[in-house]
Protein backbone atom coordinates (compact mmCIF):
# COMPACT_ATOMS: atom_id res chain seq x y z
CA MET A 1 -0.43 8.79 0.76
CA GLY A 2 -3.49 7.54 -1.76
CA ILE A 3 -3.88 4.66 -3.46
CA ALA A 4 -5.19 4.60 -7.28
CA SER A 5 -5.78 1.28 -7.98
CA PRO A 6 -5.55 -2.26 -6.12
CA ALA A 7 -3.03 -3.32 -7.87
CA THR A 8 -0.63 -0.88 -6.99
CA THR A 9 1.84 -1.44 -4.03
CA ILE A 10 2.32 0.57 -1.24
CA ASN A 11 5.81 1.06 -2.54
CA ALA A 12 4.79 1.69 -6.02
CA ALA A 13 2.68 4.64 -4.67
CA LEU A 14 5.46 6.28 -2.36
CA ALA A 15 7.15 6.04 -6.07
CA ALA A 16 4.90 7.44 -8.18
CA GLU A 17 5.38 10.84 -5.66
CA GLY A 18 9.13 10.94 -5.58
CA LEU A 19 9.47 9.68 -1.70
CA ALA A 20 11.62 6.69 -1.08
CA VAL A 21 11.31 6.02 2.68
CA ASP A 22 12.22 3.06 4.51
CA LEU A 23 8.92 1.09 5.66
CA SER A 24 11.29 -1.01 8.39
CA GLU A 25 12.22 2.78 9.92
CA THR A 26 8.89 4.81 9.21
CA ALA A 27 5.41 4.73 9.95
CA LEU A 28 2.96 5.76 6.75
CA LEU A 29 -0.29 5.13 6.16
CA ALA A 30 -1.39 4.72 2.53
CA VAL A 31 -5.87 5.69 1.89
CA PRO A 32 -7.11 3.66 -1.01
CA LEU A 33 -8.68 6.08 -3.12
CA TYR A 34 -11.32 3.73 -4.63
CA THR A 35 -14.32 1.71 -2.98
CA VAL A 36 -12.78 -1.29 -2.03
CA THR A 37 -15.53 -3.96 -3.44
CA ALA A 38 -15.89 -7.55 -1.88
CA SER A 39 -13.70 -9.01 -5.01
CA ASP A 40 -10.84 -6.06 -4.36
CA ARG A 41 -10.58 -7.10 -0.70
CA ALA A 42 -8.14 -10.43 -1.46
CA ARG A 43 -6.65 -8.77 -3.58
CA THR A 44 -5.63 -5.58 -1.28
CA LEU A 45 -4.93 -7.92 2.16
CA GLU A 46 -1.93 -9.39 -0.89
CA VAL A 47 -0.73 -6.49 -1.58
CA CYS A 48 -0.82 -5.28 1.36
CA ARG A 49 0.80 -7.75 3.13
CA SER A 50 3.58 -8.25 0.00
CA THR A 51 4.67 -4.76 0.46
CA TYR A 52 5.66 -4.82 4.07
CA ALA A 53 6.49 -7.03 7.52
CA VAL A 54 4.94 -6.53 10.90
CA THR A 55 8.11 -7.26 13.50
CA ALA A 56 7.11 -7.57 17.05
């Protein structure tokens, strides 16, 4: 699955593809389709952290 913008959440990208995936039960590889610049890194990390929770 590709993410076209650093402002797009993983869930929004899934919805745009017509997919509904429970991320607590399904592994997903999301790839940015844009260049991640130094100024994008903090926002990209924020989006990733707000979209999923890691459990041990």
